[in-house]
Each structure stands twice: as C-alpha cells, then as structure tokens.
Amino acid sequence: MGLMDSLRAGLSGALNEAESAAVPTLISEALAHTQFGSLQGLIDHLQSGPLAQQVQSWVGPGSNLPISAEQIKQMLGNDKVRELATHLHLDPDKVADMLATHLPKTVEGAAQSGIVRAPQ
C-alpha cells in the first residue's frame, strides 16, 4: 500500500467517523419536525409495539438488540418514513437503513446522557 492509498484510507475512515457522529443530531432534528417531536417521542412510539424489547435494550444496561430497516418501516409506516426522508433530504429506504444502523446507539447515548428516559 502506497502513501496515497494510506492517506485515502485514513481520510475515508475519518469522514465515516464524522458522518456517524453527526447522525444522532440529524435524527433528532428531523424528528422535531414530525408528530414524534423528539427522540423520546419516537422511543415511546416504538416501545408501544412489537419492538419494546429492542427499545428496552437500548435504554437499559447490556447489549443493544438490533433492528432492521424493514422493522422500522413496519413500525413507523411508509408515510412517516417518507416524512423523515423529506426532512433529511434522503431516499426513504436510506432513512430506514440509517435508522436501523444508528438508532440503537443514538438512543443508548441519549439515555446515558439523560436526554431520554426508559419507557415505563
């Protein structure tokens, strides 16, 4: 691997980290423009359905259970996913994928910071 390849790989890794770090803010800002109003509103909605066990794993101790893009679409519905996609300027499928990838860690971090609470 040459010097340019090393630099390219390092830059790519740094950009991926920066993008990942920005996702929680993007999710929160997009949710503020929806009926959920906030990350807590989304958590409460997801907790009320078949994803309660996943949500509890994100806000509680231990490892985070995964969620799929398909589960996101089923639980939120196509209209809400499209609404989030509009606010994020992304394709709805990309939004569902992004939420499936980043929502567990986003909720975990917000719970640890006291920004959200565990659903009752």
N, C-alpha and C. Protein backbone atom coordinates (compact mmCIF):
# COMPACT_ATOMS: atom_id res chain seq x y z
N MET A 1 0.85 -1.17 0.00
CA MET A 1 0.00 0.00 0.00
C MET A 1 0.90 1.23 0.00
N GLY A 2 0.67 2.11 -0.96
CA GLY A 2 1.47 3.30 -1.08
C GLY A 2 0.99 4.40 -0.14
N LEU A 3 1.75 5.47 -0.13
CA LEU A 3 1.43 6.61 0.72
C LEU A 3 0.05 7.19 0.40
N MET A 4 -0.26 7.33 -0.88
CA MET A 4 -1.57 7.90 -1.26
C MET A 4 -2.70 6.98 -0.82
N ASP A 5 -2.51 5.67 -0.95
CA ASP A 5 -3.53 4.73 -0.50
C ASP A 5 -3.75 4.84 1.00
N SER A 6 -2.66 4.99 1.74
CA SER A 6 -2.76 5.14 3.20
C SER A 6 -3.49 6.41 3.57
N LEU A 7 -3.17 7.50 2.88
CA LEU A 7 -3.84 8.77 3.15
C LEU A 7 -5.32 8.70 2.81
N ARG A 8 -5.63 8.08 1.66
CA ARG A 8 -7.01 7.92 1.23
C ARG A 8 -7.81 7.10 2.26
N ALA A 9 -7.23 6.01 2.72
CA ALA A 9 -7.90 5.14 3.70
C ALA A 9 -8.11 5.88 5.01
N GLY A 10 -7.11 6.63 5.45
CA GLY A 10 -7.24 7.40 6.69
C GLY A 10 -8.29 8.48 6.60
N LEU A 11 -8.31 9.18 5.48
CA LEU A 11 -9.31 10.23 5.26
C LEU A 11 -10.71 9.63 5.19
N SER A 12 -10.84 8.52 4.50
CA SER A 12 -12.14 7.86 4.40
C SER A 12 -12.64 7.44 5.78
N GLY A 13 -11.76 6.88 6.58
CA GLY A 13 -12.13 6.47 7.94
C GLY A 13 -12.55 7.66 8.79
N ALA A 14 -11.82 8.77 8.67
CA ALA A 14 -12.15 9.98 9.44
C ALA A 14 -13.50 10.54 9.00
N LEU A 15 -13.76 10.53 7.69
CA LEU A 15 -15.05 11.02 7.21
C LEU A 15 -16.19 10.14 7.68
N ASN A 16 -15.99 8.82 7.67
CA ASN A 16 -17.04 7.91 8.15
C ASN A 16 -17.32 8.15 9.63
N GLU A 17 -16.28 8.38 10.43
CA GLU A 17 -16.48 8.68 11.85
C GLU A 17 -17.23 9.98 12.03
N ALA A 18 -16.87 11.00 11.26
CA ALA A 18 -17.55 12.30 11.36
C ALA A 18 -19.02 12.16 10.97
N GLU A 19 -19.29 11.41 9.90
CA GLU A 19 -20.67 11.20 9.49
C GLU A 19 -21.46 10.47 10.57
N SER A 20 -20.87 9.44 11.14
CA SER A 20 -21.54 8.68 12.21
C SER A 20 -21.81 9.56 13.42
N ALA A 21 -20.89 10.44 13.74
CA ALA A 21 -21.06 11.32 14.89
C ALA A 21 -22.19 12.32 14.66
N ALA A 22 -22.44 12.68 13.41
CA ALA A 22 -23.48 13.66 13.10
C ALA A 22 -24.88 13.04 13.05
N VAL A 23 -24.97 11.74 12.89
CA VAL A 23 -26.27 11.09 12.71
C VAL A 23 -27.24 11.33 13.87
N PRO A 24 -26.82 11.20 15.14
CA PRO A 24 -27.80 11.46 16.21
C PRO A 24 -28.43 12.84 16.14
N THR A 25 -27.64 13.84 15.79
CA THR A 25 -28.17 15.20 15.67
C THR A 25 -29.14 15.28 14.49
N LEU A 26 -28.78 14.67 13.38
CA LEU A 26 -29.67 14.67 12.22
C LEU A 26 -31.00 13.99 12.53
N ILE A 27 -30.93 12.85 13.21
CA ILE A 27 -32.15 12.14 13.59
C ILE A 27 -33.02 13.02 14.49
N SER A 28 -32.43 13.61 15.50
CA SER A 28 -33.18 14.45 16.44
C SER A 28 -33.81 15.65 15.74
N GLU A 29 -33.04 16.30 14.86
CA GLU A 29 -33.57 17.46 14.15
C GLU A 29 -34.72 17.08 13.23
N ALA A 30 -34.60 15.95 12.55
CA ALA A 30 -35.69 15.51 11.66
C ALA A 30 -36.93 15.14 12.47
N LEU A 31 -36.74 14.47 13.61
CA LEU A 31 -37.87 14.08 14.45
C LEU A 31 -38.62 15.29 15.00
N ALA A 32 -37.91 16.38 15.21
CA ALA A 32 -38.54 17.60 15.74
C ALA A 32 -39.60 18.14 14.79
N HIS A 33 -39.52 17.77 13.53
CA HIS A 33 -40.48 18.25 12.52
C HIS A 33 -41.56 17.23 12.22
N THR A 34 -41.70 16.22 13.06
CA THR A 34 -42.70 15.18 12.86
C THR A 34 -43.64 15.13 14.05
N GLN A 35 -44.64 14.26 13.98
CA GLN A 35 -45.56 14.10 15.11
C GLN A 35 -44.86 13.56 16.34
N PHE A 36 -43.69 12.91 16.18
CA PHE A 36 -42.96 12.39 17.33
C PHE A 36 -42.38 13.52 18.16
N GLY A 37 -41.95 14.59 17.50
CA GLY A 37 -41.45 15.77 18.19
C GLY A 37 -40.03 15.66 18.70
N SER A 38 -39.60 14.45 19.03
CA SER A 38 -38.27 14.28 19.61
C SER A 38 -37.89 12.80 19.57
N LEU A 39 -36.67 12.55 19.97
CA LEU A 39 -36.21 11.16 20.09
C LEU A 39 -37.05 10.42 21.12
N GLN A 40 -37.41 11.09 22.21
CA GLN A 40 -38.25 10.47 23.24
C GLN A 40 -39.60 10.06 22.66
N GLY A 41 -40.18 10.91 21.81
CA GLY A 41 -41.45 10.58 21.18
C GLY A 41 -41.36 9.33 20.30
N LEU A 42 -40.25 9.22 19.57
CA LEU A 42 -40.05 8.02 18.76
C LEU A 42 -39.87 6.79 19.63
N ILE A 43 -39.10 6.92 20.70
CA ILE A 43 -38.89 5.81 21.63
C ILE A 43 -40.22 5.35 22.21
N ASP A 44 -41.04 6.28 22.64
CA ASP A 44 -42.34 5.94 23.21
C ASP A 44 -43.21 5.20 22.18
N HIS A 45 -43.16 5.65 20.94
CA HIS A 45 -43.94 5.00 19.88
C HIS A 45 -43.44 3.58 19.64
N LEU A 46 -42.14 3.41 19.52
CA LEU A 46 -41.58 2.08 19.27
C LEU A 46 -41.81 1.14 20.46
N GLN A 47 -41.77 1.70 21.66
CA GLN A 47 -41.96 0.90 22.87
C GLN A 47 -43.38 0.35 22.95
N SER A 48 -44.31 1.03 22.32
CA SER A 48 -45.72 0.62 22.43
C SER A 48 -46.07 -0.55 21.51
N GLY A 49 -45.14 -1.02 20.73
CA GLY A 49 -45.43 -2.10 19.79
C GLY A 49 -44.50 -3.28 19.97
N PRO A 50 -44.35 -4.05 18.92
CA PRO A 50 -43.56 -5.28 18.99
C PRO A 50 -42.06 -5.07 19.16
N LEU A 51 -41.60 -3.85 19.14
CA LEU A 51 -40.16 -3.58 19.29
C LEU A 51 -39.79 -3.17 20.71
N ALA A 52 -40.69 -3.38 21.64
CA ALA A 52 -40.45 -2.97 23.03
C ALA A 52 -39.17 -3.59 23.59
N GLN A 53 -38.91 -4.84 23.26
CA GLN A 53 -37.71 -5.49 23.79
C GLN A 53 -36.44 -4.84 23.25
N GLN A 54 -36.45 -4.50 21.96
CA GLN A 54 -35.28 -3.81 21.39
C GLN A 54 -35.07 -2.47 22.07
N VAL A 55 -36.14 -1.68 22.19
CA VAL A 55 -36.03 -0.36 22.79
C VAL A 55 -35.50 -0.46 24.22
N GLN A 56 -36.01 -1.40 24.98
CA GLN A 56 -35.56 -1.57 26.36
C GLN A 56 -34.06 -1.89 26.40
N SER A 57 -33.58 -2.65 25.43
CA SER A 57 -32.15 -2.98 25.41
C SER A 57 -31.30 -1.75 25.12
N TRP A 58 -31.85 -0.78 24.39
CA TRP A 58 -31.09 0.42 24.05
C TRP A 58 -30.99 1.38 25.23
N VAL A 59 -32.05 1.46 26.03
CA VAL A 59 -32.06 2.42 27.14
C VAL A 59 -31.56 1.80 28.44
N GLY A 60 -31.51 0.48 28.49
CA GLY A 60 -31.07 -0.20 29.70
C GLY A 60 -29.65 -0.70 29.58
N PRO A 61 -29.19 -1.35 30.63
CA PRO A 61 -27.83 -1.89 30.61
C PRO A 61 -27.74 -3.11 29.69
N GLY A 62 -26.55 -3.42 29.28
CA GLY A 62 -26.33 -4.59 28.43
C GLY A 62 -26.22 -4.22 26.97
N SER A 63 -26.18 -5.26 26.12
CA SER A 63 -26.01 -5.01 24.69
C SER A 63 -27.31 -4.60 24.03
N ASN A 64 -27.13 -3.86 22.95
CA ASN A 64 -28.28 -3.39 22.18
C ASN A 64 -28.75 -4.48 21.21
N LEU A 65 -30.04 -4.75 21.25
CA LEU A 65 -30.61 -5.66 20.27
C LEU A 65 -30.74 -4.91 18.94
N PRO A 66 -30.52 -5.61 17.84
CA PRO A 66 -30.60 -4.94 16.52
C PRO A 66 -32.04 -4.71 16.10
N ILE A 67 -32.17 -3.84 15.13
CA ILE A 67 -33.45 -3.57 14.49
C ILE A 67 -33.17 -3.51 12.99
N SER A 68 -34.10 -3.97 12.18
CA SER A 68 -33.88 -3.95 10.74
C SER A 68 -34.61 -2.77 10.10
N ALA A 69 -34.19 -2.44 8.90
CA ALA A 69 -34.86 -1.37 8.15
C ALA A 69 -36.32 -1.75 7.90
N GLU A 70 -36.57 -3.02 7.68
CA GLU A 70 -37.94 -3.49 7.45
C GLU A 70 -38.79 -3.29 8.71
N GLN A 71 -38.23 -3.56 9.88
CA GLN A 71 -38.97 -3.34 11.13
C GLN A 71 -39.26 -1.86 11.32
N ILE A 72 -38.32 -1.01 10.97
CA ILE A 72 -38.53 0.44 11.06
C ILE A 72 -39.72 0.82 10.17
N LYS A 73 -39.71 0.35 8.94
CA LYS A 73 -40.80 0.68 8.01
C LYS A 73 -42.14 0.17 8.51
N GLN A 74 -42.17 -1.05 9.04
CA GLN A 74 -43.41 -1.62 9.54
C GLN A 74 -43.94 -0.83 10.74
N MET A 75 -43.06 -0.48 11.65
CA MET A 75 -43.49 0.19 12.88
C MET A 75 -43.87 1.65 12.65
N LEU A 76 -43.12 2.33 11.79
CA LEU A 76 -43.41 3.75 11.55
C LEU A 76 -44.43 3.94 10.44
N GLY A 77 -44.44 3.04 9.49
CA GLY A 77 -45.31 3.21 8.33
C GLY A 77 -44.59 4.01 7.25
N ASN A 78 -44.99 3.77 6.02
CA ASN A 78 -44.33 4.43 4.88
C ASN A 78 -44.45 5.94 4.92
N ASP A 79 -45.61 6.46 5.36
CA ASP A 79 -45.80 7.91 5.38
C ASP A 79 -44.81 8.59 6.33
N LYS A 80 -44.61 8.02 7.50
CA LYS A 80 -43.69 8.63 8.47
C LYS A 80 -42.24 8.51 8.01
N VAL A 81 -41.91 7.39 7.38
CA VAL A 81 -40.55 7.23 6.85
C VAL A 81 -40.32 8.25 5.73
N ARG A 82 -41.31 8.44 4.87
CA ARG A 82 -41.18 9.44 3.80
C ARG A 82 -41.07 10.84 4.39
N GLU A 83 -41.83 11.11 5.45
CA GLU A 83 -41.76 12.43 6.08
C GLU A 83 -40.35 12.69 6.63
N LEU A 84 -39.77 11.70 7.30
CA LEU A 84 -38.40 11.84 7.78
C LEU A 84 -37.43 12.00 6.61
N ALA A 85 -37.66 11.25 5.54
CA ALA A 85 -36.79 11.33 4.37
C ALA A 85 -36.82 12.73 3.77
N THR A 86 -38.00 13.34 3.76
CA THR A 86 -38.12 14.71 3.26
C THR A 86 -37.28 15.67 4.08
N HIS A 87 -37.35 15.55 5.40
CA HIS A 87 -36.59 16.45 6.27
C HIS A 87 -35.08 16.20 6.19
N LEU A 88 -34.71 14.97 5.90
CA LEU A 88 -33.28 14.62 5.81
C LEU A 88 -32.75 14.73 4.38
N HIS A 89 -33.64 14.98 3.42
CA HIS A 89 -33.25 15.06 2.01
C HIS A 89 -32.59 13.76 1.55
N LEU A 90 -33.20 12.65 1.94
CA LEU A 90 -32.70 11.32 1.57
C LEU A 90 -33.84 10.47 1.03
N ASP A 91 -33.47 9.41 0.36
CA ASP A 91 -34.42 8.42 -0.10
C ASP A 91 -35.02 7.69 1.12
N PRO A 92 -36.31 7.38 1.12
CA PRO A 92 -36.92 6.69 2.27
C PRO A 92 -36.22 5.38 2.66
N ASP A 93 -35.76 4.62 1.67
CA ASP A 93 -35.05 3.37 2.01
C ASP A 93 -33.74 3.66 2.74
N LYS A 94 -33.06 4.73 2.35
CA LYS A 94 -31.81 5.10 3.03
C LYS A 94 -32.10 5.55 4.46
N VAL A 95 -33.22 6.23 4.66
CA VAL A 95 -33.60 6.66 6.01
C VAL A 95 -33.87 5.45 6.90
N ALA A 96 -34.61 4.48 6.37
CA ALA A 96 -34.89 3.27 7.15
C ALA A 96 -33.58 2.53 7.47
N ASP A 97 -32.69 2.45 6.50
CA ASP A 97 -31.38 1.82 6.74
C ASP A 97 -30.58 2.59 7.79
N MET A 98 -30.58 3.93 7.67
CA MET A 98 -29.84 4.76 8.62
C MET A 98 -30.39 4.58 10.03
N LEU A 99 -31.70 4.59 10.17
CA LEU A 99 -32.30 4.40 11.49
C LEU A 99 -31.97 3.02 12.05
N ALA A 100 -32.04 2.00 11.21
CA ALA A 100 -31.73 0.65 11.67
C ALA A 100 -30.27 0.56 12.13
N THR A 101 -29.40 1.23 11.44
CA THR A 101 -27.98 1.20 11.78
C THR A 101 -27.66 2.03 13.02
N HIS A 102 -28.22 3.24 13.10
CA HIS A 102 -27.79 4.21 14.11
C HIS A 102 -28.74 4.40 15.29
N LEU A 103 -29.99 4.01 15.17
CA LEU A 103 -30.94 4.27 16.25
C LEU A 103 -30.56 3.60 17.57
N PRO A 104 -30.14 2.34 17.57
CA PRO A 104 -29.77 1.73 18.86
C PRO A 104 -28.69 2.52 19.61
N LYS A 105 -27.62 2.90 18.94
CA LYS A 105 -26.54 3.65 19.58
C LYS A 105 -26.97 5.08 19.93
N THR A 106 -27.79 5.68 19.07
CA THR A 106 -28.28 7.03 19.34
C THR A 106 -29.12 7.05 20.60
N VAL A 107 -30.03 6.08 20.72
CA VAL A 107 -30.89 6.01 21.91
C VAL A 107 -30.05 5.68 23.14
N GLU A 108 -29.12 4.75 23.00
CA GLU A 108 -28.25 4.39 24.12
C GLU A 108 -27.49 5.62 24.63
N GLY A 109 -26.89 6.37 23.71
CA GLY A 109 -26.15 7.57 24.11
C GLY A 109 -27.04 8.62 24.75
N ALA A 110 -28.24 8.80 24.21
CA ALA A 110 -29.17 9.78 24.78
C ALA A 110 -29.64 9.35 26.16
N ALA A 111 -29.84 8.05 26.35
CA ALA A 111 -30.26 7.55 27.67
C ALA A 111 -29.14 7.74 28.69
N GLN A 112 -27.91 7.47 28.29
CA GLN A 112 -26.78 7.63 29.21
C GLN A 112 -26.56 9.09 29.56
N SER A 113 -26.91 9.99 28.64
CA SER A 113 -26.75 11.43 28.88
C SER A 113 -27.95 12.03 29.62
N GLY A 114 -28.98 11.23 29.82
CA GLY A 114 -30.17 11.73 30.50
C GLY A 114 -31.12 12.49 29.58
N ILE A 115 -30.86 12.45 28.27
CA ILE A 115 -31.70 13.16 27.31
C ILE A 115 -33.04 12.45 27.13
N VAL A 116 -33.02 11.14 27.20
CA VAL A 116 -34.25 10.35 27.13
C VAL A 116 -34.33 9.45 28.35
N ARG A 117 -35.53 9.00 28.61
CA ARG A 117 -35.74 8.10 29.76
C ARG A 117 -36.24 6.76 29.25
N ALA A 118 -36.05 5.77 30.07
CA ALA A 118 -36.56 4.44 29.73
C ALA A 118 -38.08 4.48 29.77
N PRO A 119 -38.72 3.94 28.76
CA PRO A 119 -40.19 3.90 28.77
C PRO A 119 -40.68 3.08 29.96
N GLN A 120 -41.82 3.48 30.49
CA GLN A 120 -42.39 2.79 31.66
C GLN A 120 -43.28 1.66 31.23
